Amino acid sequence: MANKINSTNLLMLVAIVAVGFATINLIITIDKIGDIQTLTGYAVDTAWANLTILSNVIVNFTTENVSWGSGYVPSGSPSCELDTQGNTNCTGFVTVSTGLILENIGNEDVSLNLSSSKAAAAFIGGVSPAFQWNVSEAAGNAGACGAGALNISSWTDITTAHQIACNNFTFLDARDAFEIDLRIVIPVTASTDAKGATITATATALA
């Protein structure tokens, strides 16, 4: 009978020890889970990226010179004329078939004004000279003036004051270039010397 009691006590002791180990193991496991949550579940931080895109307003004459060379008014004629569309009835001057090409190479739509350092009287001289321009969309650049219309779309007298050419000159590729054709009438009374004028394009970003 005594042996049976001892065996029962031993089994109870083993059971108590096993439960104790299990309890300790459970406590350790819960503690570790708490540590993991502390490390990964409850720590929050943030980062950020920042930049500023600037406005870049710039137009560029990709064809910036027109030169007819040298020549004169034919004998017996009161005047002769030249233009950049391949027309001339003067003598000796080179035929020019392309005008000035102006491109919007910035990142803004702009309003475009044109002016010259000289008008016809100061540039050519003589009696009834002419110095004119005509602005059109360059080849392959339909829509360069946006939804608006070109304001110098026929031969217009050039002045030293700003003339609005386009209210919405776009910067998008294949829609960002104008051709500025020039026309000159040379009277026989014009002085015989070298002539020159500077064309200025002024661009202003749209509000």
Foldseek 3Di string as FASTA:
>chain_A
DVVVVVVVVVVVVVVVVVVVVVVVVVVVVVVVVVVVCVVPVPDDDDDDDDDDDDWDWDKDFPAFDDFFDDFAADPPDQKWKAKQCQDTDTPDTHGHRFATKMFGQTQFWWWKWKAKPDFQCVFFNDPDKAKWKAKDFPPQAPCQLPPDDFPRHDTDTGHRDIDTGHGTGHNDPSNTMMTIMIMIMHGNGTDPDDGDMHMDMDIDGDD
